[in-house]
Amino acid sequence: MSGVFEADPAALRRGIEGMRALPLMARQLGADFRAEENTYTEWPGWTDDFARSVRPRYNDNNEYCLRIGTALHDALDALVAATLMNLESIEGARNDAVERIEDHRRRTADPGPGSGDPGGGKH
């Protein structure tokens, strides 16, 4: 590793803004699936032998699809939150570094001759 820390907070923020739509899209995927599925609910029938043999598996498959949509939403939502936390950490590190540099600059500044500082500004 080079020991160099580099980050582009602006690019990361743009990426996060683009990512924010992903969990909503996953949630909509589930809603769209349910709406579409409702148009096909009747296809195996309800009371004959075929319906009794097919419907349980049909219902299980539909629920499985909905759970996948929910899990996808949750995963994408967590990804956005984690990336945002990463950005906040990067910005915090940058702000801390800038403050420390300014602090150091103030403490070590040489006011120059005639400034009234008998120590000449050196510490």
C-alpha atoms as a PDB file:
ATOM      1  CA  MET A   1       0.000   0.000   0.000  1.00  0.00           C
ATOM      2  CA  SER A   2       1.268   3.472  -0.810  1.00  0.00           C
ATOM      3  CA  GLY A   3       0.026   5.090   2.392  1.00  0.00           C
ATOM      4  CA  VAL A   4      -1.699   7.788   0.366  1.00  0.00           C
ATOM      5  CA  PHE A   5      -5.271   8.650   1.215  1.00  0.00           C
ATOM      6  CA  GLU A   6      -7.285   9.923  -1.710  1.00  0.00           C
ATOM      7  CA  ALA A   7     -11.006  10.516  -1.978  1.00  0.00           C
ATOM      8  CA  ASP A   8     -13.321  12.495  -4.188  1.00  0.00           C
ATOM      9  CA  PRO A   9     -16.221  13.503  -1.924  1.00  0.00           C
ATOM     10  CA  ALA A  10     -18.059  15.306  -4.727  1.00  0.00           C
ATOM     11  CA  ALA A  11     -18.006  12.210  -6.944  1.00  0.00           C
ATOM     12  CA  LEU A  12     -19.017  10.032  -4.026  1.00  0.00           C
ATOM     13  CA  ARG A  13     -21.916  12.369  -3.229  1.00  0.00           C
ATOM     14  CA  ARG A  14     -23.052  12.237  -6.885  1.00  0.00           C
ATOM     15  CA  GLY A  15     -22.867   8.453  -6.741  1.00  0.00           C
ATOM     16  CA  ILE A  16     -24.959   8.378  -3.582  1.00  0.00           C
ATOM     17  CA  GLU A  17     -27.580  10.602  -5.166  1.00  0.00           C
ATOM     18  CA  GLY A  18     -27.820   8.182  -8.076  1.00  0.00           C
ATOM     19  CA  MET A  19     -27.930   5.195  -5.727  1.00  0.00           C
ATOM     20  CA  ARG A  20     -30.837   6.620  -3.700  1.00  0.00           C
ATOM     21  CA  ALA A  21     -33.259   5.553  -6.433  1.00  0.00           C
ATOM     22  CA  LEU A  22     -32.227   1.884  -6.258  1.00  0.00           C
ATOM     23  CA  PRO A  23     -34.100   0.875  -3.070  1.00  0.00           C
ATOM     24  CA  LEU A  24     -37.203   2.654  -4.333  1.00  0.00           C
ATOM     25  CA  MET A  25     -36.931   0.791  -7.618  1.00  0.00           C
ATOM     26  CA  ALA A  26     -36.664  -2.512  -5.752  1.00  0.00           C
ATOM     27  CA  ARG A  27     -39.741  -1.644  -3.683  1.00  0.00           C
ATOM     28  CA  GLN A  28     -41.614  -0.734  -6.859  1.00  0.00           C
ATOM     29  CA  LEU A  29     -40.544  -4.043  -8.375  1.00  0.00           C
ATOM     30  CA  GLY A  30     -42.420  -5.846  -5.592  1.00  0.00           C
ATOM     31  CA  ALA A  31     -45.487  -3.651  -5.992  1.00  0.00           C
ATOM     32  CA  ASP A  32     -45.482  -4.179  -9.755  1.00  0.00           C
ATOM     33  CA  PHE A  33     -45.098  -7.923  -9.304  1.00  0.00           C
ATOM     34  CA  ARG A  34     -48.054  -8.045  -6.920  1.00  0.00           C
ATOM     35  CA  ALA A  35     -50.213  -5.984  -9.296  1.00  0.00           C
ATOM     36  CA  GLU A  36     -49.307  -8.192 -12.263  1.00  0.00           C
ATOM     37  CA  GLU A  37     -49.703 -11.375 -10.266  1.00  0.00           C
ATOM     38  CA  ASN A  38     -53.216 -10.348  -9.270  1.00  0.00           C
ATOM     39  CA  THR A  39     -54.213 -10.552 -12.926  1.00  0.00           C
ATOM     40  CA  TYR A  40     -53.096 -14.210 -13.024  1.00  0.00           C
ATOM     41  CA  THR A  41     -54.338 -15.428  -9.635  1.00  0.00           C
ATOM     42  CA  GLU A  42     -57.265 -17.250 -11.175  1.00  0.00           C
ATOM     43  CA  TRP A  43     -55.321 -19.264 -13.764  1.00  0.00           C
ATOM     44  CA  PRO A  44     -54.956 -22.571 -11.864  1.00  0.00           C
ATOM     45  CA  GLY A  45     -58.526 -22.468 -10.631  1.00  0.00           C
ATOM     46  CA  TRP A  46     -59.629 -22.971  -7.041  1.00  0.00           C
ATOM     47  CA  THR A  47     -61.501 -26.183  -6.421  1.00  0.00           C
ATOM     48  CA  ASP A  48     -60.483 -28.933  -8.842  1.00  0.00           C
ATOM     49  CA  ASP A  49     -57.639 -31.412  -8.433  1.00  0.00           C
ATOM     50  CA  PHE A  50     -55.293 -29.359 -10.599  1.00  0.00           C
ATOM     51  CA  ALA A  51     -55.873 -26.248  -8.477  1.00  0.00           C
ATOM     52  CA  ARG A  52     -55.324 -28.171  -5.236  1.00  0.00           C
ATOM     53  CA  SER A  53     -52.056 -29.605  -6.531  1.00  0.00           C
ATOM     54  CA  VAL A  54     -50.698 -26.431  -8.167  1.00  0.00           C
ATOM     55  CA  ARG A  55     -51.978 -23.559  -6.019  1.00  0.00           C
ATOM     56  CA  PRO A  56     -49.804 -24.195  -2.912  1.00  0.00           C
ATOM     57  CA  ARG A  57     -46.631 -24.150  -5.002  1.00  0.00           C
ATOM     58  CA  TYR A  58     -47.909 -21.161  -6.994  1.00  0.00           C
ATOM     59  CA  ASN A  59     -48.549 -19.217  -3.774  1.00  0.00           C
ATOM     60  CA  ASP A  60     -45.172 -20.234  -2.330  1.00  0.00           C
ATOM     61  CA  ASN A  61     -43.381 -19.078  -5.480  1.00  0.00           C
ATOM     62  CA  ASN A  62     -45.175 -15.739  -5.414  1.00  0.00           C
ATOM     63  CA  GLU A  63     -44.273 -15.182  -1.771  1.00  0.00           C
ATOM     64  CA  TYR A  64     -40.678 -16.131  -2.514  1.00  0.00           C
ATOM     65  CA  CYS A  65     -40.535 -13.536  -5.285  1.00  0.00           C
ATOM     66  CA  LEU A  66     -41.927 -10.876  -2.960  1.00  0.00           C
ATOM     67  CA  ARG A  67     -39.394 -11.768  -0.248  1.00  0.00           C
ATOM     68  CA  ILE A  68     -36.583 -11.428  -2.782  1.00  0.00           C
ATOM     69  CA  GLY A  69     -37.863  -7.974  -3.718  1.00  0.00           C
ATOM     70  CA  THR A  70     -37.970  -6.987  -0.049  1.00  0.00           C
ATOM     71  CA  ALA A  71     -34.476  -8.368   0.562  1.00  0.00           C
ATOM     72  CA  LEU A  72     -33.184  -6.515  -2.491  1.00  0.00           C
ATOM     73  CA  HIS A  73     -34.732  -3.292  -1.207  1.00  0.00           C
ATOM     74  CA  ASP A  74     -33.185  -3.801   2.236  1.00  0.00           C
ATOM     75  CA  ALA A  75     -29.749  -4.601   0.786  1.00  0.00           C
ATOM     76  CA  LEU A  76     -29.759  -1.575  -1.516  1.00  0.00           C
ATOM     77  CA  ASP A  77     -31.030   0.674   1.267  1.00  0.00           C
ATOM     78  CA  ALA A  78     -28.202  -0.541   3.523  1.00  0.00           C
ATOM     79  CA  LEU A  79     -25.695   0.013   0.709  1.00  0.00           C
ATOM     80  CA  VAL A  80     -26.811   3.629   0.320  1.00  0.00           C
ATOM     81  CA  ALA A  81     -26.617   4.171   4.093  1.00  0.00           C
ATOM     82  CA  ALA A  82     -23.145   2.597   4.316  1.00  0.00           C
ATOM     83  CA  THR A  83     -21.853   4.659   1.398  1.00  0.00           C
ATOM     84  CA  LEU A  84     -23.247   7.809   2.996  1.00  0.00           C
ATOM     85  CA  MET A  85     -21.501   6.907   6.265  1.00  0.00           C
ATOM     86  CA  ASN A  86     -18.284   6.417   4.293  1.00  0.00           C
ATOM     87  CA  LEU A  87     -18.675   9.865   2.747  1.00  0.00           C
ATOM     88  CA  GLU A  88     -19.296  11.402   6.172  1.00  0.00           C
ATOM     89  CA  SER A  89     -16.169   9.694   7.491  1.00  0.00           C
ATOM     90  CA  ILE A  90     -14.104  10.972   4.563  1.00  0.00           C
ATOM     91  CA  GLU A  91     -15.422  14.505   4.992  1.00  0.00           C
ATOM     92  CA  GLY A  92     -14.810  14.313   8.739  1.00  0.00           C
ATOM     93  CA  ALA A  93     -11.211  13.199   8.174  1.00  0.00           C
ATOM     94  CA  ARG A  94     -10.687  15.976   5.635  1.00  0.00           C
ATOM     95  CA  ASN A  95     -12.192  18.619   7.927  1.00  0.00           C
ATOM     96  CA  ASP A  96     -10.124  17.378  10.864  1.00  0.00           C
ATOM     97  CA  ALA A  97      -6.940  17.496   8.776  1.00  0.00           C
ATOM     98  CA  VAL A  98      -7.696  21.026   7.561  1.00  0.00           C
ATOM     99  CA  GLU A  99      -8.373  22.178  11.135  1.00  0.00           C
ATOM    100  CA  ARG A 100      -5.137  20.614  12.397  1.00  0.00           C
ATOM    101  CA  ILE A 101      -3.134  22.198   9.578  1.00  0.00           C
ATOM    102  CA  GLU A 102      -4.634  25.609  10.337  1.00  0.00           C
ATOM    103  CA  ASP A 103      -4.012  25.086  14.049  1.00  0.00           C
ATOM    104  CA  HIS A 104      -0.392  24.171  13.367  1.00  0.00           C
ATOM    105  CA  ARG A 105       0.002  27.151  11.045  1.00  0.00           C
ATOM    106  CA  ARG A 106      -1.314  29.524  13.723  1.00  0.00           C
ATOM    107  CA  ARG A 107       0.996  28.082  16.389  1.00  0.00           C
ATOM    108  CA  THR A 108       4.117  28.145  14.260  1.00  0.00           C
ATOM    109  CA  ALA A 109       3.594  31.345  12.320  1.00  0.00           C
ATOM    110  CA  ASP A 110       6.601  33.661  12.358  1.00  0.00           C
ATOM    111  CA  PRO A 111       5.240  37.167  12.801  1.00  0.00           C
ATOM    112  CA  GLY A 112       8.520  38.628  11.536  1.00  0.00           C
ATOM    113  CA  PRO A 113      10.796  41.331  12.942  1.00  0.00           C
ATOM    114  CA  GLY A 114       9.285  44.214  14.828  1.00  0.00           C
ATOM    115  CA  SER A 115       6.098  42.390  15.664  1.00  0.00           C
ATOM    116  CA  GLY A 116       6.580  42.914  19.361  1.00  0.00           C
ATOM    117  CA  ASP A 117       7.178  39.248  20.060  1.00  0.00           C
ATOM    118  CA  PRO A 118      10.457  39.042  21.993  1.00  0.00           C
ATOM    119  CA  GLY A 119      10.879  35.401  21.021  1.00  0.00           C
ATOM    120  CA  GLY A 120      10.797  36.213  17.343  1.00  0.00           C
ATOM    121  CA  GLY A 121       7.727  34.003  16.881  1.00  0.00           C
ATOM    122  CA  LYS A 122       9.688  30.785  17.135  1.00  0.00           C
ATOM    123  CA  HIS A 123       8.718  28.165  19.673  1.00  0.00           C
END
